[in-house]
């Protein structure tokens, strides 16, 4: 009989999963390092050797969420062929997150609300926001819109608003409402010279 080896998660992976669960549910300031360590089942030295500090752990937690969000959005967008459809598909991906029973708002908004402006946590959050805005901009440009930067900013505001509304108002349909508003915005946005509507 062949024996199976079970790969145990590394201390880094366990710390990140514990941080993801606790920080997202309760907030980065209200959860102390000792709780994360206990939840992960690792030695305190593992946290400091791996992440250097609590701030380093918070940054790694946010980077993990960033990767997962990008993966979810990218996976969702593969269902659409045209860039204009993909612009609306970003809201479908948000809807998947919002309807998850564990949804507790935007992790980046929550983390930066509790940190100083010059924190490295703020930089990680800014990088995430730049990616979302850049995605909207690139898709708007590929769709032939005349002012892709302006349109990206408007779509990003709808995206942010839907996430906040879902959490504050306990509204699982917020992404659908934002998608409808985005569709109206796209229908009225001017196209670049020579671009055709699809």
N, C-alpha and C. Protein backbone atom coordinates (compact mmCIF):
# COMPACT_ATOMS: atom_id res chain seq x y z
N UNK A 1 0.84 -1.17 0.00
CA UNK A 1 0.00 0.00 0.00
C UNK A 1 0.89 1.24 0.00
N UNK A 2 0.65 2.13 -0.93
CA UNK A 2 1.46 3.34 -1.04
C UNK A 2 1.09 4.31 0.06
N UNK A 3 2.09 4.96 0.61
CA UNK A 3 1.78 5.95 1.64
C UNK A 3 1.63 7.32 1.00
N UNK A 4 0.71 8.07 1.56
CA UNK A 4 0.50 9.43 1.05
C UNK A 4 1.15 10.40 2.01
N UNK A 5 1.84 11.37 1.45
CA UNK A 5 2.41 12.40 2.31
C UNK A 5 1.51 13.62 2.24
N UNK A 6 1.22 14.14 3.39
CA UNK A 6 0.39 15.33 3.48
C UNK A 6 1.32 16.52 3.66
N UNK A 7 1.22 17.46 2.77
CA UNK A 7 2.06 18.64 2.87
C UNK A 7 1.43 19.62 3.85
N UNK A 8 2.17 19.91 4.88
CA UNK A 8 1.69 20.86 5.88
C UNK A 8 2.01 22.27 5.40
N UNK A 9 1.06 23.16 5.60
CA UNK A 9 1.28 24.54 5.19
C UNK A 9 2.46 25.12 5.96
N UNK A 10 3.23 25.95 5.29
CA UNK A 10 4.38 26.59 5.93
C UNK A 10 3.90 27.59 6.98
N UNK A 11 4.81 28.00 7.84
CA UNK A 11 4.47 29.00 8.86
C UNK A 11 3.99 30.28 8.18
N UNK A 12 4.63 30.65 7.08
CA UNK A 12 4.23 31.86 6.34
C UNK A 12 2.79 31.74 5.85
N UNK A 13 2.46 30.60 5.25
CA UNK A 13 1.11 30.39 4.74
C UNK A 13 0.08 30.41 5.87
N UNK A 14 0.41 29.76 6.98
CA UNK A 14 -0.53 29.73 8.11
C UNK A 14 -0.72 31.12 8.70
N UNK A 15 0.37 31.88 8.81
CA UNK A 15 0.25 33.25 9.33
C UNK A 15 -0.61 34.12 8.41
N UNK A 16 -0.38 33.97 7.11
CA UNK A 16 -1.16 34.76 6.15
C UNK A 16 -2.64 34.40 6.19
N UNK A 17 -2.96 33.13 6.26
CA UNK A 17 -4.36 32.73 6.32
C UNK A 17 -5.02 33.19 7.61
N UNK A 18 -4.28 33.10 8.72
CA UNK A 18 -4.81 33.59 10.00
C UNK A 18 -5.03 35.10 9.94
N UNK A 19 -4.06 35.82 9.40
CA UNK A 19 -4.20 37.27 9.26
C UNK A 19 -5.36 37.62 8.35
N UNK A 20 -5.49 36.91 7.26
CA UNK A 20 -6.58 37.16 6.32
C UNK A 20 -7.93 37.00 7.00
N UNK A 21 -8.07 35.94 7.74
CA UNK A 21 -9.34 35.69 8.43
C UNK A 21 -9.62 36.74 9.51
N UNK A 22 -8.63 36.94 10.39
CA UNK A 22 -8.85 37.82 11.54
C UNK A 22 -8.87 39.30 11.17
N UNK A 23 -7.89 39.74 10.37
CA UNK A 23 -7.86 41.16 10.00
C UNK A 23 -9.09 41.54 9.18
N UNK A 24 -9.49 40.68 8.27
CA UNK A 24 -10.64 41.03 7.43
C UNK A 24 -11.93 41.06 8.25
N UNK A 25 -12.06 40.14 9.16
CA UNK A 25 -13.29 40.07 9.95
C UNK A 25 -13.35 41.16 11.02
N UNK A 26 -12.19 41.44 11.67
CA UNK A 26 -12.22 42.30 12.85
C UNK A 26 -11.46 43.61 12.72
N UNK A 27 -10.61 43.74 11.71
CA UNK A 27 -9.84 44.97 11.54
C UNK A 27 -8.39 44.80 11.95
N UNK A 28 -7.51 45.53 11.31
CA UNK A 28 -6.08 45.35 11.55
C UNK A 28 -5.63 45.90 12.90
N UNK A 29 -6.30 46.91 13.42
CA UNK A 29 -5.89 47.47 14.70
C UNK A 29 -6.44 46.69 15.89
N UNK A 30 -7.62 46.13 15.74
CA UNK A 30 -8.23 45.43 16.87
C UNK A 30 -7.69 44.02 17.07
N UNK A 31 -6.98 43.49 16.09
CA UNK A 31 -6.40 42.15 16.21
C UNK A 31 -4.91 42.28 16.50
N UNK A 32 -4.51 41.78 17.65
CA UNK A 32 -3.10 41.83 18.03
C UNK A 32 -2.30 40.69 17.42
N UNK A 33 -1.00 40.87 17.42
CA UNK A 33 -0.08 39.87 16.89
C UNK A 33 -0.24 38.52 17.59
N UNK A 34 -0.44 38.56 18.91
CA UNK A 34 -0.55 37.31 19.66
C UNK A 34 -1.74 36.48 19.19
N UNK A 35 -2.84 37.13 18.85
CA UNK A 35 -4.00 36.38 18.35
C UNK A 35 -3.71 35.74 17.01
N UNK A 36 -3.03 36.46 16.13
CA UNK A 36 -2.68 35.91 14.82
C UNK A 36 -1.76 34.70 15.00
N UNK A 37 -0.77 34.84 15.86
CA UNK A 37 0.18 33.75 16.12
C UNK A 37 -0.54 32.52 16.68
N UNK A 38 -1.40 32.76 17.65
CA UNK A 38 -2.15 31.64 18.25
C UNK A 38 -3.05 30.97 17.20
N UNK A 39 -3.74 31.78 16.41
CA UNK A 39 -4.65 31.25 15.38
C UNK A 39 -3.88 30.44 14.32
N UNK A 40 -2.68 30.90 14.02
CA UNK A 40 -1.86 30.23 13.00
C UNK A 40 -1.15 29.00 13.57
N UNK A 41 -0.99 28.96 14.90
CA UNK A 41 -0.30 27.83 15.51
C UNK A 41 1.19 27.82 15.23
N UNK A 42 1.80 29.01 15.27
CA UNK A 42 3.24 29.12 15.02
C UNK A 42 3.90 29.87 16.17
N UNK A 43 5.22 29.83 16.19
CA UNK A 43 5.98 30.56 17.20
C UNK A 43 6.05 32.04 16.83
N UNK A 44 6.13 32.88 17.86
CA UNK A 44 6.22 34.32 17.63
C UNK A 44 7.40 34.68 16.73
N UNK A 45 8.51 33.96 16.90
CA UNK A 45 9.69 34.24 16.08
C UNK A 45 9.39 34.03 14.60
N UNK A 46 8.50 33.11 14.27
CA UNK A 46 8.15 32.87 12.86
C UNK A 46 7.57 34.12 12.22
N UNK A 47 6.72 34.82 12.96
CA UNK A 47 6.11 36.04 12.41
C UNK A 47 7.19 37.09 12.14
N UNK A 48 8.03 37.33 13.13
CA UNK A 48 9.04 38.39 12.98
C UNK A 48 10.12 38.01 11.97
N UNK A 49 10.48 36.73 11.92
CA UNK A 49 11.46 36.29 10.92
C UNK A 49 10.91 36.38 9.51
N UNK A 50 9.62 36.17 9.35
CA UNK A 50 9.00 36.15 8.02
C UNK A 50 8.56 37.53 7.55
N UNK A 51 7.94 38.30 8.44
CA UNK A 51 7.33 39.56 8.04
C UNK A 51 7.98 40.79 8.67
N UNK A 52 8.80 40.60 9.69
CA UNK A 52 9.52 41.72 10.30
C UNK A 52 8.74 42.47 11.36
N UNK A 53 7.44 42.65 11.14
CA UNK A 53 6.63 43.44 12.06
C UNK A 53 5.16 43.19 11.74
N UNK A 54 4.30 43.73 12.59
CA UNK A 54 2.86 43.62 12.31
C UNK A 54 2.54 44.35 11.01
N UNK A 55 3.15 45.51 10.79
CA UNK A 55 2.89 46.25 9.56
C UNK A 55 3.28 45.43 8.33
N UNK A 56 4.39 44.71 8.44
CA UNK A 56 4.80 43.83 7.34
C UNK A 56 3.78 42.73 7.09
N UNK A 57 3.21 42.19 8.17
CA UNK A 57 2.17 41.17 8.04
C UNK A 57 0.91 41.75 7.41
N UNK A 58 0.53 42.95 7.82
CA UNK A 58 -0.66 43.59 7.25
C UNK A 58 -0.45 43.82 5.76
N UNK A 59 0.73 44.28 5.37
CA UNK A 59 1.02 44.48 3.94
C UNK A 59 0.93 43.17 3.17
N UNK A 60 1.47 42.10 3.75
CA UNK A 60 1.41 40.79 3.07
C UNK A 60 -0.03 40.30 2.97
N UNK A 61 -0.83 40.53 4.01
CA UNK A 61 -2.25 40.17 3.99
C UNK A 61 -2.97 40.91 2.87
N UNK A 62 -2.71 42.21 2.74
CA UNK A 62 -3.37 43.00 1.68
C UNK A 62 -2.88 42.57 0.30
N UNK A 63 -1.61 42.23 0.18
CA UNK A 63 -1.09 41.75 -1.11
C UNK A 63 -1.74 40.42 -1.49
N UNK A 64 -1.97 39.56 -0.50
CA UNK A 64 -2.69 38.30 -0.74
C UNK A 64 -4.11 38.57 -1.25
N UNK A 65 -4.79 39.51 -0.61
CA UNK A 65 -6.15 39.85 -1.05
C UNK A 65 -6.12 40.45 -2.45
N UNK A 66 -5.11 41.26 -2.73
CA UNK A 66 -4.95 41.85 -4.05
C UNK A 66 -4.83 40.76 -5.12
N UNK A 67 -3.99 39.77 -4.87
CA UNK A 67 -3.81 38.67 -5.82
C UNK A 67 -5.12 37.93 -6.04
N UNK A 68 -5.84 37.67 -4.96
CA UNK A 68 -7.10 36.94 -5.07
C UNK A 68 -8.17 37.74 -5.82
N UNK A 69 -8.20 39.04 -5.59
CA UNK A 69 -9.16 39.90 -6.30
C UNK A 69 -8.82 39.92 -7.79
N UNK A 70 -7.54 40.11 -8.10
CA UNK A 70 -7.13 40.12 -9.51
C UNK A 70 -7.48 38.80 -10.18
N UNK A 71 -7.24 37.70 -9.49
CA UNK A 71 -7.58 36.39 -10.06
C UNK A 71 -9.08 36.27 -10.32
N UNK A 72 -9.89 36.72 -9.36
CA UNK A 72 -11.35 36.63 -9.53
C UNK A 72 -11.81 37.49 -10.71
N UNK A 73 -11.29 38.71 -10.81
CA UNK A 73 -11.69 39.59 -11.89
C UNK A 73 -11.22 39.03 -13.24
N UNK A 74 -9.97 38.61 -13.29
CA UNK A 74 -9.42 38.06 -14.54
C UNK A 74 -10.21 36.84 -15.00
N UNK A 75 -10.53 35.98 -14.06
CA UNK A 75 -11.33 34.77 -14.38
C UNK A 75 -12.72 35.16 -14.90
N UNK A 76 -13.33 36.14 -14.26
CA UNK A 76 -14.66 36.58 -14.68
C UNK A 76 -14.62 37.19 -16.08
N UNK A 77 -13.59 37.96 -16.36
CA UNK A 77 -13.52 38.65 -17.65
C UNK A 77 -13.33 37.70 -18.83
N UNK A 78 -12.86 36.48 -18.56
CA UNK A 78 -12.70 35.52 -19.66
C UNK A 78 -14.05 35.10 -20.24
N UNK A 79 -15.13 35.39 -19.54
CA UNK A 79 -16.47 35.04 -20.05
C UNK A 79 -16.94 36.01 -21.14
N UNK A 80 -16.24 37.11 -21.32
CA UNK A 80 -16.66 38.16 -22.24
C UNK A 80 -15.64 38.33 -23.36
N UNK A 81 -16.13 38.53 -24.57
CA UNK A 81 -15.23 38.67 -25.72
C UNK A 81 -14.82 40.11 -25.98
N UNK A 82 -15.73 41.03 -25.83
CA UNK A 82 -15.48 42.43 -26.19
C UNK A 82 -15.07 43.26 -24.97
N UNK A 83 -14.16 44.22 -25.17
CA UNK A 83 -13.73 45.07 -24.04
C UNK A 83 -14.89 45.80 -23.35
N UNK A 84 -15.90 46.21 -24.13
CA UNK A 84 -17.04 46.89 -23.50
C UNK A 84 -17.81 45.95 -22.59
N UNK A 85 -17.92 44.71 -22.99
CA UNK A 85 -18.57 43.71 -22.13
C UNK A 85 -17.71 43.47 -20.89
N UNK A 86 -16.40 43.48 -21.06
CA UNK A 86 -15.50 43.26 -19.94
C UNK A 86 -15.58 44.41 -18.93
N UNK A 87 -15.77 45.63 -19.41
CA UNK A 87 -15.94 46.76 -18.49
C UNK A 87 -17.09 46.48 -17.52
N UNK A 88 -18.19 45.96 -18.04
CA UNK A 88 -19.33 45.62 -17.18
C UNK A 88 -19.05 44.35 -16.38
N UNK A 89 -18.24 43.46 -16.95
CA UNK A 89 -17.89 42.22 -16.26
C UNK A 89 -17.13 42.45 -14.97
N UNK A 90 -16.42 43.57 -14.87
CA UNK A 90 -15.72 43.89 -13.62
C UNK A 90 -16.74 43.98 -12.48
N UNK A 91 -17.92 44.50 -12.77
CA UNK A 91 -18.98 44.60 -11.76
C UNK A 91 -19.56 43.23 -11.43
N UNK A 92 -19.55 42.32 -12.40
CA UNK A 92 -19.98 40.94 -12.12
C UNK A 92 -19.02 40.29 -11.13
N UNK A 93 -17.72 40.53 -11.31
CA UNK A 93 -16.73 39.99 -10.39
C UNK A 93 -16.92 40.56 -8.99
N UNK A 94 -17.22 41.85 -8.92
CA UNK A 94 -17.49 42.47 -7.63
C UNK A 94 -18.73 41.85 -7.00
N UNK A 95 -19.73 41.56 -7.83
CA UNK A 95 -20.95 40.93 -7.32
C UNK A 95 -20.67 39.58 -6.68
N UNK A 96 -19.72 38.83 -7.26
CA UNK A 96 -19.35 37.54 -6.67
C UNK A 96 -18.80 37.74 -5.26
N UNK A 97 -17.99 38.78 -5.07
CA UNK A 97 -17.43 39.05 -3.75
C UNK A 97 -18.51 39.51 -2.78
N UNK A 98 -19.36 40.41 -3.23
CA UNK A 98 -20.38 40.99 -2.37
C UNK A 98 -21.38 39.95 -1.87
N UNK A 99 -21.71 38.99 -2.70
CA UNK A 99 -22.70 38.00 -2.30
C UNK A 99 -22.11 36.87 -1.46
N UNK A 100 -20.80 36.88 -1.26
CA UNK A 100 -20.17 35.90 -0.37
C UNK A 100 -20.63 36.21 1.06
N UNK A 101 -21.09 35.21 1.81
CA UNK A 101 -21.55 35.46 3.18
C UNK A 101 -20.48 36.08 4.08
N UNK A 102 -19.21 35.90 3.74
CA UNK A 102 -18.12 36.45 4.55
C UNK A 102 -17.74 37.88 4.15
N UNK A 103 -18.44 38.45 3.16
CA UNK A 103 -18.07 39.79 2.68
C UNK A 103 -18.17 40.80 3.82
N UNK A 104 -17.11 41.57 3.98
CA UNK A 104 -17.06 42.56 5.05
C UNK A 104 -16.49 43.88 4.53
N UNK A 105 -16.80 44.21 3.29
CA UNK A 105 -16.32 45.46 2.72
C UNK A 105 -14.94 45.33 2.11
N UNK A 106 -14.43 46.45 1.67
CA UNK A 106 -13.11 46.49 1.03
C UNK A 106 -12.01 46.44 2.09
N UNK A 107 -11.19 45.41 2.03
CA UNK A 107 -10.10 45.26 3.00
C UNK A 107 -9.14 46.42 2.95
N UNK A 108 -8.95 47.01 1.78
CA UNK A 108 -8.00 48.11 1.61
C UNK A 108 -8.53 49.39 2.25
N UNK A 109 -9.81 49.66 2.08
CA UNK A 109 -10.43 50.82 2.73
C UNK A 109 -10.35 50.67 4.24
N UNK A 110 -10.70 49.49 4.72
CA UNK A 110 -10.72 49.27 6.16
C UNK A 110 -9.32 49.38 6.75
N UNK A 111 -8.32 48.82 6.09
CA UNK A 111 -6.96 48.86 6.62
C UNK A 111 -6.39 50.27 6.61
N UNK A 112 -6.62 51.01 5.54
CA UNK A 112 -6.05 52.36 5.47
C UNK A 112 -6.78 53.35 6.37
N UNK A 113 -8.02 53.06 6.72
CA UNK A 113 -8.75 53.93 7.65
C UNK A 113 -8.11 53.88 9.03
N UNK A 114 -7.34 52.84 9.28
CA UNK A 114 -6.75 52.63 10.60
C UNK A 114 -5.23 52.86 10.62
N UNK A 115 -4.67 53.42 9.56
CA UNK A 115 -3.21 53.59 9.50
C UNK A 115 -2.84 55.02 9.08
N UNK A 116 -1.60 55.36 9.33
CA UNK A 116 -1.08 56.69 8.96
C UNK A 116 -0.94 56.80 7.45
N UNK A 117 -1.00 58.02 6.96
CA UNK A 117 -0.89 58.27 5.52
C UNK A 117 0.45 57.83 4.94
N UNK A 118 1.51 57.87 5.74
CA UNK A 118 2.84 57.51 5.23
C UNK A 118 3.18 56.04 5.48
N UNK A 119 2.21 55.25 5.86
CA UNK A 119 2.43 53.83 6.14
C UNK A 119 2.65 53.05 4.85
N UNK A 120 3.42 51.98 4.96
CA UNK A 120 3.59 51.09 3.80
C UNK A 120 2.28 50.38 3.48
N UNK A 121 1.39 50.29 4.44
CA UNK A 121 0.05 49.72 4.21
C UNK A 121 -0.69 50.58 3.19
N UNK A 122 -0.55 51.88 3.32
CA UNK A 122 -1.20 52.80 2.37
C UNK A 122 -0.67 52.57 0.96
N UNK A 123 0.63 52.31 0.82
CA UNK A 123 1.22 52.08 -0.50
C UNK A 123 0.66 50.82 -1.14
N UNK A 124 0.50 49.76 -0.36
CA UNK A 124 -0.07 48.52 -0.89
C UNK A 124 -1.51 48.78 -1.36
N UNK A 125 -2.27 49.53 -0.58
CA UNK A 125 -3.64 49.86 -0.96
C UNK A 125 -3.66 50.72 -2.22
N UNK A 126 -2.75 51.68 -2.30
CA UNK A 126 -2.67 52.53 -3.49
C UNK A 126 -2.35 51.70 -4.74
N UNK A 127 -1.47 50.72 -4.60
CA UNK A 127 -1.13 49.86 -5.74
C UNK A 127 -2.34 49.08 -6.23
N UNK A 128 -3.14 48.59 -5.29
CA UNK A 128 -4.37 47.88 -5.65
C UNK A 128 -5.32 48.82 -6.42
N UNK A 129 -5.49 50.02 -5.89
CA UNK A 129 -6.41 50.98 -6.52
C UNK A 129 -5.91 51.39 -7.91
N UNK A 130 -4.61 51.55 -8.05
CA UNK A 130 -4.05 51.87 -9.36
C UNK A 130 -4.32 50.75 -10.36
N UNK A 131 -4.26 49.51 -9.90
CA UNK A 131 -4.53 48.38 -10.79
C UNK A 131 -5.98 48.40 -11.27
N UNK A 132 -6.92 48.59 -10.33
CA UNK A 132 -8.34 48.63 -10.71
C UNK A 132 -8.60 49.77 -11.69
N UNK A 133 -8.09 50.96 -11.37
CA UNK A 133 -8.30 52.12 -12.24
C UNK A 133 -7.66 51.87 -13.59
N UNK A 134 -6.46 51.29 -13.59
CA UNK A 134 -5.77 50.98 -14.85
C UNK A 134 -6.53 49.97 -15.69
N UNK A 135 -7.14 48.98 -15.04
CA UNK A 135 -7.95 48.01 -15.76
C UNK A 135 -9.12 48.69 -16.45
N UNK A 136 -9.83 49.53 -15.71
CA UNK A 136 -10.94 50.27 -16.32
C UNK A 136 -10.45 51.14 -17.47
N UNK A 137 -9.31 51.80 -17.26
CA UNK A 137 -8.79 52.68 -18.31
C UNK A 137 -8.40 51.89 -19.56
N UNK A 138 -7.69 50.80 -19.39
CA UNK A 138 -7.25 49.99 -20.53
C UNK A 138 -8.45 49.43 -21.31
N UNK A 139 -9.46 48.97 -20.59
CA UNK A 139 -10.65 48.44 -21.26
C UNK A 139 -11.44 49.55 -21.95
N UNK A 140 -11.49 50.72 -21.34
CA UNK A 140 -12.18 51.86 -21.96
C UNK A 140 -11.46 52.28 -23.24
N UNK A 141 -10.13 52.29 -23.19
CA UNK A 141 -9.36 52.65 -24.38
C UNK A 141 -9.56 51.61 -25.48
N UNK A 142 -9.51 50.32 -25.10
CA UNK A 142 -9.70 49.25 -26.08
C UNK A 142 -11.11 49.27 -26.67
N UNK A 143 -12.05 49.83 -25.92
CA UNK A 143 -13.43 49.93 -26.39
C UNK A 143 -13.65 51.10 -27.33
N UNK A 144 -12.66 51.98 -27.42
CA UNK A 144 -12.76 53.10 -28.34
C UNK A 144 -13.37 54.36 -27.76
N UNK A 145 -13.41 54.48 -26.44
CA UNK A 145 -13.98 55.70 -25.84
C UNK A 145 -13.02 56.87 -25.97
N UNK A 146 -13.58 58.05 -26.14
CA UNK A 146 -12.79 59.25 -26.40
C UNK A 146 -11.97 59.70 -25.19
N UNK A 147 -12.47 59.48 -24.00
CA UNK A 147 -11.79 59.96 -22.79
C UNK A 147 -11.65 58.79 -21.80
N UNK A 148 -10.76 57.85 -22.08
CA UNK A 148 -10.68 56.65 -21.24
C UNK A 148 -10.29 56.92 -19.79
N UNK A 149 -9.45 57.93 -19.54
CA UNK A 149 -9.06 58.24 -18.17
C UNK A 149 -10.26 58.73 -17.35
N UNK A 150 -11.02 59.62 -17.94
CA UNK A 150 -12.19 60.16 -17.26
C UNK A 150 -13.23 59.06 -17.03
N UNK A 151 -13.45 58.24 -18.04
CA UNK A 151 -14.41 57.15 -17.93
C UNK A 151 -13.96 56.15 -16.86
N UNK A 152 -12.67 55.86 -16.81
CA UNK A 152 -12.14 54.94 -15.80
C UNK A 152 -12.40 55.49 -14.40
N UNK A 153 -12.21 56.78 -14.22
CA UNK A 153 -12.46 57.38 -12.91
C UNK A 153 -13.92 57.25 -12.52
N UNK A 154 -14.82 57.49 -13.47
CA UNK A 154 -16.25 57.37 -13.18
C UNK A 154 -16.64 55.93 -12.84
N UNK A 155 -16.12 54.99 -13.61
CA UNK A 155 -16.42 53.58 -13.34
C UNK A 155 -15.84 53.14 -12.01
N UNK A 156 -14.67 53.65 -11.68
CA UNK A 156 -14.04 53.31 -10.40
C UNK A 156 -14.88 53.83 -9.24
N UNK A 157 -15.44 55.01 -9.39
CA UNK A 157 -16.33 55.55 -8.35
C UNK A 157 -17.56 54.66 -8.16
N UNK A 158 -18.13 54.19 -9.26
CA UNK A 158 -19.26 53.26 -9.16
C UNK A 158 -18.85 51.97 -8.46
N UNK A 159 -17.68 51.46 -8.81
CA UNK A 159 -17.15 50.23 -8.22
C UNK A 159 -16.97 50.39 -6.71
N UNK A 160 -16.32 51.49 -6.32
CA UNK A 160 -16.10 51.75 -4.89
C UNK A 160 -17.43 51.91 -4.16
N UNK A 161 -18.33 52.66 -4.76
CA UNK A 161 -19.63 52.91 -4.13
C UNK A 161 -20.43 51.64 -3.92
N UNK A 162 -20.36 50.74 -4.89
CA UNK A 162 -21.08 49.47 -4.75
C UNK A 162 -20.52 48.66 -3.59
N UNK A 163 -19.21 48.63 -3.46
CA UNK A 163 -18.60 47.89 -2.35
C UNK A 163 -18.98 48.47 -1.00
N UNK A 164 -18.98 49.80 -0.91
CA UNK A 164 -19.36 50.45 0.35
C UNK A 164 -20.84 50.23 0.65
N UNK A 165 -21.67 50.37 -0.36
CA UNK A 165 -23.11 50.18 -0.16
C UNK A 165 -23.43 48.76 0.27
N UNK A 166 -22.75 47.81 -0.33
CA UNK A 166 -22.99 46.40 0.02
C UNK A 166 -22.71 46.17 1.50
N UNK A 167 -21.64 46.78 1.99
CA UNK A 167 -21.29 46.57 3.40
C UNK A 167 -22.17 47.40 4.33
N UNK A 168 -22.28 48.70 4.04
CA UNK A 168 -22.99 49.59 4.96
C UNK A 168 -24.50 49.37 4.97
N UNK A 169 -25.05 49.07 3.79
CA UNK A 169 -26.49 48.90 3.67
C UNK A 169 -26.92 47.44 3.66
N UNK A 170 -25.95 46.54 3.76
CA UNK A 170 -26.23 45.10 3.68
C UNK A 170 -27.03 44.81 2.41
N UNK A 171 -26.50 45.34 1.30
CA UNK A 171 -27.20 45.27 0.02
C UNK A 171 -26.45 44.35 -0.94
N UNK A 172 -26.86 43.08 -1.05
CA UNK A 172 -26.16 42.17 -1.95
C UNK A 172 -26.36 42.48 -3.43
N UNK A 173 -27.31 43.38 -3.74
CA UNK A 173 -27.56 43.72 -5.14
C UNK A 173 -26.80 44.98 -5.57
N UNK A 174 -25.92 45.51 -4.71
CA UNK A 174 -25.25 46.77 -5.01
C UNK A 174 -24.42 46.69 -6.28
N UNK A 175 -23.76 45.58 -6.53
CA UNK A 175 -22.94 45.45 -7.75
C UNK A 175 -23.81 45.42 -8.98
N UNK A 176 -24.98 44.82 -8.89
CA UNK A 176 -25.91 44.79 -10.03
C UNK A 176 -26.41 46.20 -10.33
N UNK A 177 -26.72 46.95 -9.28
CA UNK A 177 -27.17 48.34 -9.46
C UNK A 177 -26.05 49.17 -10.08
N UNK A 178 -24.82 48.98 -9.60
CA UNK A 178 -23.67 49.72 -10.15
C UNK A 178 -23.43 49.31 -11.59
N UNK A 179 -23.62 48.04 -11.92
CA UNK A 179 -23.44 47.57 -13.30
C UNK A 179 -24.44 48.25 -14.23
N UNK A 180 -25.68 48.39 -13.77
CA UNK A 180 -26.71 49.07 -14.58
C UNK A 180 -26.34 50.53 -14.80
N UNK A 181 -25.85 51.18 -13.75
CA UNK A 181 -25.41 52.57 -13.88
C UNK A 181 -24.22 52.67 -14.83
N UNK A 182 -23.30 51.71 -14.74
CA UNK A 182 -22.14 51.70 -15.62
C UNK A 182 -22.56 51.51 -17.08
N UNK A 183 -23.56 50.66 -17.32
CA UNK A 183 -24.05 50.44 -18.69
C UNK A 183 -24.62 51.73 -19.26
N UNK A 184 -25.35 52.49 -18.44
CA UNK A 184 -25.89 53.78 -18.89
C UNK A 184 -24.77 54.76 -19.18
N UNK A 185 -23.77 54.76 -18.33
CA UNK A 185 -22.62 55.64 -18.52
C UNK A 185 -21.90 55.30 -19.83
N UNK A 186 -21.68 54.02 -20.09
CA UNK A 186 -21.00 53.60 -21.31
C UNK A 186 -21.83 53.95 -22.55
N UNK A 187 -23.15 53.83 -22.44
CA UNK A 187 -24.01 54.12 -23.60
C UNK A 187 -23.95 55.60 -23.97
N UNK A 188 -23.71 56.47 -22.99
CA UNK A 188 -23.71 57.90 -23.29
C UNK A 188 -22.30 58.48 -23.46
N UNK A 189 -21.27 57.70 -23.16
CA UNK A 189 -19.90 58.21 -23.26
C UNK A 189 -19.50 58.34 -24.72
N UNK A 190 -18.87 59.46 -25.09
CA UNK A 190 -18.46 59.64 -26.49
C UNK A 190 -17.34 58.70 -26.90
N UNK A 191 -17.43 58.25 -28.15
CA UNK A 191 -16.39 57.39 -28.72
C UNK A 191 -15.33 58.26 -29.36
N UNK A 192 -14.12 57.72 -29.43
CA UNK A 192 -13.04 58.39 -30.12
C UNK A 192 -13.36 58.44 -31.60
N UNK A 193 -12.78 59.38 -32.31
CA UNK A 193 -13.00 59.50 -33.75
C UNK A 193 -12.59 58.20 -34.44
N UNK A 194 -13.47 57.68 -35.24
CA UNK A 194 -13.20 56.45 -35.99
C UNK A 194 -13.62 55.19 -35.26
N UNK A 195 -13.95 55.29 -33.96
CA UNK A 195 -14.38 54.10 -33.22
C UNK A 195 -15.84 53.84 -33.50
N UNK A 196 -16.22 52.58 -33.48
CA UNK A 196 -17.62 52.21 -33.73
C UNK A 196 -18.20 51.52 -32.52
N UNK A 197 -19.48 51.71 -32.29
CA UNK A 197 -20.13 51.03 -31.17
C UNK A 197 -20.42 49.60 -31.56
N UNK A 198 -20.32 48.70 -30.56
CA UNK A 198 -20.60 47.30 -30.86
C UNK A 198 -21.86 46.85 -30.16
